[in-house]
PDB file of N, CA and C in Angstrom:
ATOM      1  N   MET A   1       0.837  -1.165   0.000  1.00  0.00           N
ATOM      2  CA  MET A   1       0.000   0.000   0.000  1.00  0.00           C
ATOM      3  C   MET A   1       0.893   1.243   0.000  1.00  0.00           C
ATOM      4  N   LEU A   2       0.553   2.164  -0.846  1.00  0.00           N
ATOM      5  CA  LEU A   2       1.295   3.406  -0.974  1.00  0.00           C
ATOM      6  C   LEU A   2       0.714   4.443  -0.027  1.00  0.00           C
ATOM      7  N   CYS A   3       1.570   5.233   0.608  1.00  0.00           N
ATOM      8  CA  CYS A   3       1.137   6.298   1.512  1.00  0.00           C
ATOM      9  C   CYS A   3       1.665   7.638   1.002  1.00  0.00           C
ATOM     10  N   ILE A   4       0.742   8.565   0.783  1.00  0.00           N
ATOM     11  CA  ILE A   4       1.102   9.920   0.390  1.00  0.00           C
ATOM     12  C   ILE A   4       0.664  10.834   1.532  1.00  0.00           C
ATOM     13  N   THR A   5       1.604  11.576   2.093  1.00  0.00           N
ATOM     14  CA  THR A   5       1.330  12.435   3.230  1.00  0.00           C
ATOM     15  C   THR A   5       1.162  13.874   2.762  1.00  0.00           C
ATOM     16  N   VAL A   6       0.082  14.491   3.231  1.00  0.00           N
ATOM     17  CA  VAL A   6      -0.224  15.882   2.897  1.00  0.00           C
ATOM     18  C   VAL A   6      -0.229  16.659   4.210  1.00  0.00           C
ATOM     19  N   TYR A   7       0.680  17.613   4.337  1.00  0.00           N
ATOM     20  CA  TYR A   7       0.844  18.348   5.590  1.00  0.00           C
ATOM     21  C   TYR A   7      -0.046  19.585   5.641  1.00  0.00           C
ATOM     22  N   THR A   8      -1.223  19.416   6.196  1.00  0.00           N
ATOM     23  CA  THR A   8      -2.157  20.496   6.500  1.00  0.00           C
ATOM     24  C   THR A   8      -3.175  19.954   7.492  1.00  0.00           C
ATOM     25  N   ALA A   9      -3.676  20.825   8.348  1.00  0.00           N
ATOM     26  CA  ALA A   9      -4.744  20.450   9.270  1.00  0.00           C
ATOM     27  C   ALA A   9      -6.092  20.938   8.740  1.00  0.00           C
ATOM     28  N   ASP A  10      -6.075  21.614   7.611  1.00  0.00           N
ATOM     29  CA  ASP A  10      -7.258  22.238   7.031  1.00  0.00           C
ATOM     30  C   ASP A  10      -7.919  21.281   6.033  1.00  0.00           C
ATOM     31  N   PHE A  11      -9.079  20.740   6.409  1.00  0.00           N
ATOM     32  CA  PHE A  11      -9.766  19.770   5.552  1.00  0.00           C
ATOM     33  C   PHE A  11     -10.159  20.385   4.215  1.00  0.00           C
ATOM     34  N   GLU A  12     -10.619  21.613   4.237  1.00  0.00           N
ATOM     35  CA  GLU A  12     -11.030  22.266   2.995  1.00  0.00           C
ATOM     36  C   GLU A  12      -9.849  22.423   2.036  1.00  0.00           C
ATOM     37  N   LEU A  13      -8.708  22.829   2.560  1.00  0.00           N
ATOM     38  CA  LEU A  13      -7.504  22.949   1.735  1.00  0.00           C
ATOM     39  C   LEU A  13      -7.080  21.580   1.206  1.00  0.00           C
ATOM     40  N   PHE A  14      -7.127  20.568   2.063  1.00  0.00           N
ATOM     41  CA  PHE A  14      -6.806  19.208   1.622  1.00  0.00           C
ATOM     42  C   PHE A  14      -7.718  18.790   0.466  1.00  0.00           C
ATOM     43  N   SER A  15      -9.015  19.033   0.622  1.00  0.00           N
ATOM     44  CA  SER A  15      -9.973  18.671  -0.435  1.00  0.00           C
ATOM     45  C   SER A  15      -9.666  19.393  -1.737  1.00  0.00           C
ATOM     46  N   ASP A  16      -9.251  20.663  -1.605  1.00  0.00           N
ATOM     47  CA  ASP A  16      -8.932  21.451  -2.803  1.00  0.00           C
ATOM     48  C   ASP A  16      -7.716  20.917  -3.559  1.00  0.00           C
ATOM     49  N   VAL A  17      -6.734  20.357  -2.851  1.00  0.00           N
ATOM     50  CA  VAL A  17      -5.505  19.904  -3.513  1.00  0.00           C
ATOM     51  C   VAL A  17      -5.474  18.398  -3.793  1.00  0.00           C
ATOM     52  N   LEU A  18      -6.487  17.669  -3.355  1.00  0.00           N
ATOM     53  CA  LEU A  18      -6.473  16.211  -3.494  1.00  0.00           C
ATOM     54  C   LEU A  18      -6.250  15.768  -4.936  1.00  0.00           C
ATOM     55  N   GLU A  19      -6.978  16.327  -5.887  1.00  0.00           N
ATOM     56  CA  GLU A  19      -6.810  15.935  -7.295  1.00  0.00           C
ATOM     57  C   GLU A  19      -5.386  16.194  -7.773  1.00  0.00           C
ATOM     58  N   GLU A  20      -4.855  17.349  -7.411  1.00  0.00           N
ATOM     59  CA  GLU A  20      -3.500  17.707  -7.807  1.00  0.00           C
ATOM     60  C   GLU A  20      -2.486  16.730  -7.216  1.00  0.00           C
ATOM     61  N   VAL A  21      -2.706  16.339  -5.969  1.00  0.00           N
ATOM     62  CA  VAL A  21      -1.815  15.378  -5.305  1.00  0.00           C
ATOM     63  C   VAL A  21      -1.844  14.038  -6.023  1.00  0.00           C
ATOM     64  N   LEU A  22      -3.034  13.569  -6.373  1.00  0.00           N
ATOM     65  CA  LEU A  22      -3.157  12.265  -7.025  1.00  0.00           C
ATOM     66  C   LEU A  22      -2.551  12.265  -8.429  1.00  0.00           C
ATOM     67  N   LYS A  23      -2.536  13.404  -9.081  1.00  0.00           N
ATOM     68  CA  LYS A  23      -1.971  13.503 -10.429  1.00  0.00           C
ATOM     69  C   LYS A  23      -0.477  13.808 -10.426  1.00  0.00           C
ATOM     70  N   ALA A  24       0.100  14.102  -9.262  1.00  0.00           N
ATOM     71  CA  ALA A  24       1.481  14.581  -9.175  1.00  0.00           C
ATOM     72  C   ALA A  24       2.523  13.534  -9.546  1.00  0.00           C
ATOM     73  N   ASP A  25       2.216  12.267  -9.476  1.00  0.00           N
ATOM     74  CA  ASP A  25       3.162  11.198  -9.815  1.00  0.00           C
ATOM     75  C   ASP A  25       4.502  11.378  -9.091  1.00  0.00           C
ATOM     76  N   LEU A  26       4.426  11.469  -7.763  1.00  0.00           N
ATOM     77  CA  LEU A  26       5.628  11.623  -6.942  1.00  0.00           C
ATOM     78  C   LEU A  26       6.399  10.315  -6.868  1.00  0.00           C
ATOM     79  N   GLN A  27       7.703  10.407  -6.884  1.00  0.00           N
ATOM     80  CA  GLN A  27       8.555   9.242  -6.684  1.00  0.00           C
ATOM     81  C   GLN A  27       8.672   8.974  -5.180  1.00  0.00           C
ATOM     82  N   GLU A  28       9.056   7.777  -4.798  1.00  0.00           N
ATOM     83  CA  GLU A  28       9.177   7.442  -3.379  1.00  0.00           C
ATOM     84  C   GLU A  28      10.139   8.407  -2.681  1.00  0.00           C
ATOM     85  N   ASP A  29       9.724   8.881  -1.523  1.00  0.00           N
ATOM     86  CA  ASP A  29      10.464   9.844  -0.691  1.00  0.00           C
ATOM     87  C   ASP A  29      10.596  11.228  -1.324  1.00  0.00           C
ATOM     88  N   GLU A  30       9.903  11.476  -2.406  1.00  0.00           N
ATOM     89  CA  GLU A  30       9.945  12.799  -3.028  1.00  0.00           C
ATOM     90  C   GLU A  30       9.013  13.751  -2.288  1.00  0.00           C
ATOM     91  N   GLU A  31       9.508  14.945  -2.044  1.00  0.00           N
ATOM     92  CA  GLU A  31       8.724  15.993  -1.380  1.00  0.00           C
ATOM     93  C   GLU A  31       8.503  17.112  -2.378  1.00  0.00           C
ATOM     94  N   ARG A  32       7.270  17.625  -2.385  1.00  0.00           N
ATOM     95  CA  ARG A  32       6.939  18.686  -3.331  1.00  0.00           C
ATOM     96  C   ARG A  32       5.910  19.615  -2.680  1.00  0.00           C
ATOM     97  N   GLU A  33       5.920  20.856  -3.076  1.00  0.00           N
ATOM     98  CA  GLU A  33       4.902  21.787  -2.611  1.00  0.00           C
ATOM     99  C   GLU A  33       3.878  21.956  -3.723  1.00  0.00           C
ATOM    100  N   LEU A  34       2.616  21.704  -3.381  1.00  0.00           N
ATOM    101  CA  LEU A  34       1.523  21.845  -4.334  1.00  0.00           C
ATOM    102  C   LEU A  34       0.493  22.797  -3.735  1.00  0.00           C
ATOM    103  N   SER A  35       0.221  23.878  -4.406  1.00  0.00           N
ATOM    104  CA  SER A  35      -0.751  24.867  -3.929  1.00  0.00           C
ATOM    105  C   SER A  35      -0.474  25.300  -2.498  1.00  0.00           C
ATOM    106  N   GLY A  36       0.793  25.437  -2.156  1.00  0.00           N
ATOM    107  CA  GLY A  36       1.171  25.902  -0.836  1.00  0.00           C
ATOM    108  C   GLY A  36       1.183  24.847   0.247  1.00  0.00           C
ATOM    109  N   VAL A  37       0.996  23.587  -0.127  1.00  0.00           N
ATOM    110  CA  VAL A  37       0.947  22.482   0.828  1.00  0.00           C
ATOM    111  C   VAL A  37       2.098  21.523   0.541  1.00  0.00           C
ATOM    112  N   THR A  38       2.790  21.093   1.581  1.00  0.00           N
ATOM    113  CA  THR A  38       3.868  20.117   1.415  1.00  0.00           C
ATOM    114  C   THR A  38       3.278  18.720   1.294  1.00  0.00           C
ATOM    115  N   VAL A  39       3.720  17.991   0.271  1.00  0.00           N
ATOM    116  CA  VAL A  39       3.238  16.636  -0.013  1.00  0.00           C
ATOM    117  C   VAL A  39       4.455  15.734  -0.155  1.00  0.00           C
ATOM    118  N   ILE A  40       4.401  14.556   0.445  1.00  0.00           N
ATOM    119  CA  ILE A  40       5.506  13.597   0.372  1.00  0.00           C
ATOM    120  C   ILE A  40       4.963  12.218   0.014  1.00  0.00           C
ATOM    121  N   ASN A  41       5.618  11.571  -0.922  1.00  0.00           N
ATOM    122  CA  ASN A  41       5.344  10.161  -1.176  1.00  0.00           C
ATOM    123  C   ASN A  41       6.142   9.392  -0.136  1.00  0.00           C
ATOM    124  N   ALA A  42       5.462   8.905   0.894  1.00  0.00           N
ATOM    125  CA  ALA A  42       6.127   8.220   2.004  1.00  0.00           C
ATOM    126  C   ALA A  42       6.475   6.774   1.664  1.00  0.00           C
ATOM    127  N   GLY A  43       6.101   6.325   0.493  1.00  0.00           N
ATOM    128  CA  GLY A  43       6.428   4.953   0.086  1.00  0.00           C
ATOM    129  C   GLY A  43       5.411   3.946   0.590  1.00  0.00           C
ATOM    130  N   GLU A  44       5.839   2.736   0.644  1.00  0.00           N
ATOM    131  CA  GLU A  44       4.968   1.632   1.019  1.00  0.00           C
ATOM    132  C   GLU A  44       4.797   1.546   2.532  1.00  0.00           C
ATOM    133  N   VAL A  45       3.582   1.235   2.960  1.00  0.00           N
ATOM    134  CA  VAL A  45       3.307   0.955   4.369  1.00  0.00           C
ATOM    135  C   VAL A  45       2.779  -0.473   4.455  1.00  0.00           C
ATOM    136  N   PRO A  46       3.009  -1.152   5.586  1.00  0.00           N
ATOM    137  CA  PRO A  46       2.550  -2.535   5.713  1.00  0.00           C
ATOM    138  C   PRO A  46       1.022  -2.635   5.779  1.00  0.00           C
ATOM    139  N   GLU A  47       0.506  -3.780   5.444  1.00  0.00           N
ATOM    140  CA  GLU A  47      -0.932  -4.028   5.423  1.00  0.00           C
ATOM    141  C   GLU A  47      -1.604  -3.674   6.751  1.00  0.00           C
ATOM    142  N   HIS A  48      -0.951  -3.947   7.860  1.00  0.00           N
ATOM    143  CA  HIS A  48      -1.576  -3.726   9.170  1.00  0.00           C
ATOM    144  C   HIS A  48      -1.582  -2.254   9.601  1.00  0.00           C
ATOM    145  N   TYR A  49      -0.972  -1.378   8.822  1.00  0.00           N
ATOM    146  CA  TYR A  49      -0.889   0.037   9.185  1.00  0.00           C
ATOM    147  C   TYR A  49      -2.276   0.661   9.361  1.00  0.00           C
ATOM    148  N   LEU A  50      -3.189   0.373   8.440  1.00  0.00           N
ATOM    149  CA  LEU A  50      -4.543   0.918   8.533  1.00  0.00           C
ATOM    150  C   LEU A  50      -5.244   0.472   9.802  1.00  0.00           C
ATOM    151  N   GLN A  51      -5.120  -0.806  10.135  1.00  0.00           N
ATOM    152  CA  GLN A  51      -5.754  -1.317  11.353  1.00  0.00           C
ATOM    153  C   GLN A  51      -5.164  -0.650  12.577  1.00  0.00           C
ATOM    154  N   LYS A  52      -3.858  -0.524  12.621  1.00  0.00           N
ATOM    155  CA  LYS A  52      -3.163   0.097  13.756  1.00  0.00           C
ATOM    156  C   LYS A  52      -3.606   1.544  13.935  1.00  0.00           C
ATOM    157  N   MET A  53      -3.667   2.296  12.853  1.00  0.00           N
ATOM    158  CA  MET A  53      -4.016   3.708  12.939  1.00  0.00           C
ATOM    159  C   MET A  53      -5.501   3.924  13.217  1.00  0.00           C
ATOM    160  N   SER A  54      -6.365   3.082  12.680  1.00  0.00           N
ATOM    161  CA  SER A  54      -7.810   3.300  12.803  1.00  0.00           C
ATOM    162  C   SER A  54      -8.332   3.116  14.226  1.00  0.00           C
ATOM    163  N   VAL A  55      -7.593   2.452  15.088  1.00  0.00           N
ATOM    164  CA  VAL A  55      -8.051   2.274  16.469  1.00  0.00           C
ATOM    165  C   VAL A  55      -7.582   3.401  17.390  1.00  0.00           C
ATOM    166  N   LYS A  56      -6.749   4.278  16.891  1.00  0.00           N
ATOM    167  CA  LYS A  56      -6.275   5.400  17.705  1.00  0.00           C
ATOM    168  C   LYS A  56      -7.389   6.455  17.807  1.00  0.00           C
ATOM    169  N   PRO A  57      -7.625   6.972  19.009  1.00  0.00           N
ATOM    170  CA  PRO A  57      -8.735   7.912  19.186  1.00  0.00           C
ATOM    171  C   PRO A  57      -8.555   9.260  18.478  1.00  0.00           C
ATOM    172  N   ASP A  58      -7.344   9.632  18.141  1.00  0.00           N
ATOM    173  CA  ASP A  58      -7.100  10.922  17.493  1.00  0.00           C
ATOM    174  C   ASP A  58      -6.987  10.824  15.974  1.00  0.00           C
ATOM    175  N   VAL A  59      -7.371   9.686  15.409  1.00  0.00           N
ATOM    176  CA  VAL A  59      -7.279   9.478  13.961  1.00  0.00           C
ATOM    177  C   VAL A  59      -8.681   9.376  13.363  1.00  0.00           C
ATOM    178  N   VAL A  60      -8.922  10.182  12.338  1.00  0.00           N
ATOM    179  CA  VAL A  60     -10.174  10.112  11.588  1.00  0.00           C
ATOM    180  C   VAL A  60      -9.896   9.293  10.335  1.00  0.00           C
ATOM    181  N   VAL A  61     -10.749   8.303  10.067  1.00  0.00           N
ATOM    182  CA  VAL A  61     -10.592   7.442   8.899  1.00  0.00           C
ATOM    183  C   VAL A  61     -11.715   7.748   7.912  1.00  0.00           C
ATOM    184  N   MET A  62     -11.334   8.069   6.683  1.00  0.00           N
ATOM    185  CA  MET A  62     -12.310   8.357   5.629  1.00  0.00           C
ATOM    186  C   MET A  62     -12.044   7.429   4.446  1.00  0.00           C
ATOM    187  N   ARG A  63     -13.120   7.056   3.753  1.00  0.00           N
ATOM    188  CA  ARG A  63     -12.987   6.230   2.557  1.00  0.00           C
ATOM    189  C   ARG A  63     -13.491   6.994   1.354  1.00  0.00           C
ATOM    190  N   ASP A  64     -12.768   6.866   0.250  1.00  0.00           N
ATOM    191  CA  ASP A  64     -13.211   7.375  -1.036  1.00  0.00           C
ATOM    192  C   ASP A  64     -13.363   6.140  -1.917  1.00  0.00           C
ATOM    193  N   ASN A  65     -14.567   5.592  -1.929  1.00  0.00           N
ATOM    194  CA  ASN A  65     -14.805   4.340  -2.655  1.00  0.00           C
ATOM    195  C   ASN A  65     -14.661   4.494  -4.159  1.00  0.00           C
ATOM    196  N   ASP A  66     -14.971   5.680  -4.686  1.00  0.00           N
ATOM    197  CA  ASP A  66     -14.854   5.897  -6.132  1.00  0.00           C
ATOM    198  C   ASP A  66     -13.411   5.745  -6.604  1.00  0.00           C
ATOM    199  N   ARG A  67     -12.464   6.155  -5.774  1.00  0.00           N
ATOM    200  CA  ARG A  67     -11.040   6.094  -6.132  1.00  0.00           C
ATOM    201  C   ARG A  67     -10.306   4.966  -5.423  1.00  0.00           C
ATOM    202  N   ASN A  68     -11.001   4.217  -4.581  1.00  0.00           N
ATOM    203  CA  ASN A  68     -10.396   3.118  -3.815  1.00  0.00           C
ATOM    204  C   ASN A  68      -9.275   3.636  -2.900  1.00  0.00           C
ATOM    205  N   LEU A  69      -9.563   4.738  -2.182  1.00  0.00           N
ATOM    206  CA  LEU A  69      -8.582   5.344  -1.286  1.00  0.00           C
ATOM    207  C   LEU A  69      -9.084   5.304   0.149  1.00  0.00           C
ATOM    208  N   THR A  70      -8.163   5.229   1.078  1.00  0.00           N
ATOM    209  CA  THR A  70      -8.455   5.466   2.478  1.00  0.00           C
ATOM    210  C   THR A  70      -7.637   6.684   2.880  1.00  0.00           C
ATOM    211  N   ILE A  71      -8.277   7.590   3.591  1.00  0.00           N
ATOM    212  CA  ILE A  71      -7.604   8.819   4.022  1.00  0.00           C
ATOM    213  C   ILE A  71      -7.625   8.866   5.535  1.00  0.00           C
ATOM    214  N   LEU A  72      -6.459   9.023   6.122  1.00  0.00           N
ATOM    215  CA  LEU A  72      -6.329   9.154   7.565  1.00  0.00           C
ATOM    216  C   LEU A  72      -6.014  10.614   7.873  1.00  0.00           C
ATOM    217  N   GLN A  73      -6.726  11.176   8.843  1.00  0.00           N
ATOM    218  CA  GLN A  73      -6.421  12.530   9.280  1.00  0.00           C
ATOM    219  C   GLN A  73      -6.023  12.471  10.745  1.00  0.00           C
ATOM    220  N   HIS A  74      -4.846  13.000  11.053  1.00  0.00           N
ATOM    221  CA  HIS A  74      -4.398  13.077  12.441  1.00  0.00           C
ATOM    222  C   HIS A  74      -3.334  14.157  12.560  1.00  0.00           C
ATOM    223  N   GLY A  75      -3.379  14.854  13.680  1.00  0.00           N
ATOM    224  CA  GLY A  75      -2.437  15.956  13.853  1.00  0.00           C
ATOM    225  C   GLY A  75      -2.604  16.973  12.748  1.00  0.00           C
ATOM    226  N   ASP A  76      -1.514  17.418  12.192  1.00  0.00           N
ATOM    227  CA  ASP A  76      -1.528  18.406  11.115  1.00  0.00           C
ATOM    228  C   ASP A  76      -1.270  17.775   9.767  1.00  0.00           C
ATOM    229  N   MET A  77      -1.813  16.562   9.570  1.00  0.00           N
ATOM    230  CA  MET A  77      -1.571  15.904   8.293  1.00  0.00           C
ATOM    231  C   MET A  77      -2.711  14.977   7.900  1.00  0.00           C
ATOM    232  N   PHE A  78      -2.734  14.714   6.625  1.00  0.00           N
ATOM    233  CA  PHE A  78      -3.611  13.705   6.041  1.00  0.00           C
ATOM    234  C   PHE A  78      -2.698  12.672   5.394  1.00  0.00           C
ATOM    235  N   GLU A  79      -3.068  11.405   5.493  1.00  0.00           N
ATOM    236  CA  GLU A  79      -2.334  10.343   4.797  1.00  0.00           C
ATOM    237  C   GLU A  79      -3.293   9.671   3.831  1.00  0.00           C
ATOM    238  N   ILE A  80      -2.921   9.665   2.579  1.00  0.00           N
ATOM    239  CA  ILE A  80      -3.721   9.009   1.545  1.00  0.00           C
ATOM    240  C   ILE A  80      -3.130   7.622   1.356  1.00  0.00           C
ATOM    241  N   ILE A  81      -3.924   6.607   1.629  1.00  0.00           N
ATOM    242  CA  ILE A  81      -3.466   5.222   1.498  1.00  0.00           C
ATOM    243  C   ILE A  81      -4.078   4.649   0.221  1.00  0.00           C
ATOM    244  N   VAL A  82      -3.191   4.226  -0.671  1.00  0.00           N
ATOM    245  CA  VAL A  82      -3.602   3.678  -1.966  1.00  0.00           C
ATOM    246  C   VAL A  82      -3.225   2.199  -1.982  1.00  0.00           C
ATOM    247  N   PRO A  83      -4.208   1.292  -2.065  1.00  0.00           N
ATOM    248  CA  PRO A  83      -3.877  -0.134  -2.048  1.00  0.00           C
ATOM    249  C   PRO A  83      -2.919  -0.528  -3.161  1.00  0.00           C
ATOM    250  N   ASP A  84      -3.109   0.061  -4.349  1.00  0.00           N
ATOM    251  CA  ASP A  84      -2.263  -0.213  -5.508  1.00  0.00           C
ATOM    252  C   ASP A  84      -2.238   1.063  -6.319  1.00  0.00           C
ATOM    253  N   ALA A  85      -1.068   1.633  -6.499  1.00  0.00           N
ATOM    254  CA  ALA A  85      -0.956   2.918  -7.185  1.00  0.00           C
ATOM    255  C   ALA A  85      -1.647   2.907  -8.546  1.00  0.00           C
ATOM    256  N   LYS A  86      -1.707   1.768  -9.188  1.00  0.00           N
ATOM    257  CA  LYS A  86      -2.347   1.688 -10.510  1.00  0.00           C
ATOM    258  C   LYS A  86      -3.861   1.725 -10.411  1.00  0.00           C
ATOM    259  N   SER A  87      -4.416   1.513  -9.193  1.00  0.00           N
ATOM    260  CA  SER A  87      -5.857   1.459  -9.048  1.00  0.00           C
ATOM    261  C   SER A  87      -6.496   2.810  -8.758  1.00  0.00           C
ATOM    262  N   VAL A  88      -5.705   3.884  -8.670  1.00  0.00           N
ATOM    263  CA  VAL A  88      -6.251   5.204  -8.393  1.00  0.00           C
ATOM    264  C   VAL A  88      -7.021   5.695  -9.610  1.00  0.00           C
ATOM    265  N   VAL A  89      -8.244   6.125  -9.366  1.00  0.00           N
ATOM    266  CA  VAL A  89      -9.069   6.674 -10.427  1.00  0.00           C
ATOM    267  C   VAL A  89      -9.231   8.145 -10.154  1.00  0.00           C
ATOM    268  N   THR A  90      -8.757   8.997 -11.042  1.00  0.00           N
ATOM    269  CA  THR A  90      -8.937  10.436 -10.856  1.00  0.00           C
ATOM    270  C   THR A  90     -10.159  10.872 -11.645  1.00  0.00           C
ATOM    271  N   VAL A  91     -10.966  11.666 -11.021  1.00  0.00           N
ATOM    272  CA  VAL A  91     -12.233  12.108 -11.632  1.00  0.00           C
ATOM    273  C   VAL A  91     -12.086  13.507 -12.140  1.00  0.00           C
TER     274      VAL A  91
END
């Protein structure tokens, strides 16, 4: 599973840049600023990462079924979890 980290605590700003982030084609460990937001391709995370994070009380878990994404929000960041980078559907 691929993890893309978006550093902002602002949900509206995150929503505004989500499409741009998904189209950015970042390489592993690459950091880039998109629309004033720092975005990093954090690389692969283990399968159990979602389970571990979803039980934490300070983590919000969101699903985007149309794109097959899970989004974790905690602290000042969002993490976009992509099961398979090839399965991302941009609308």
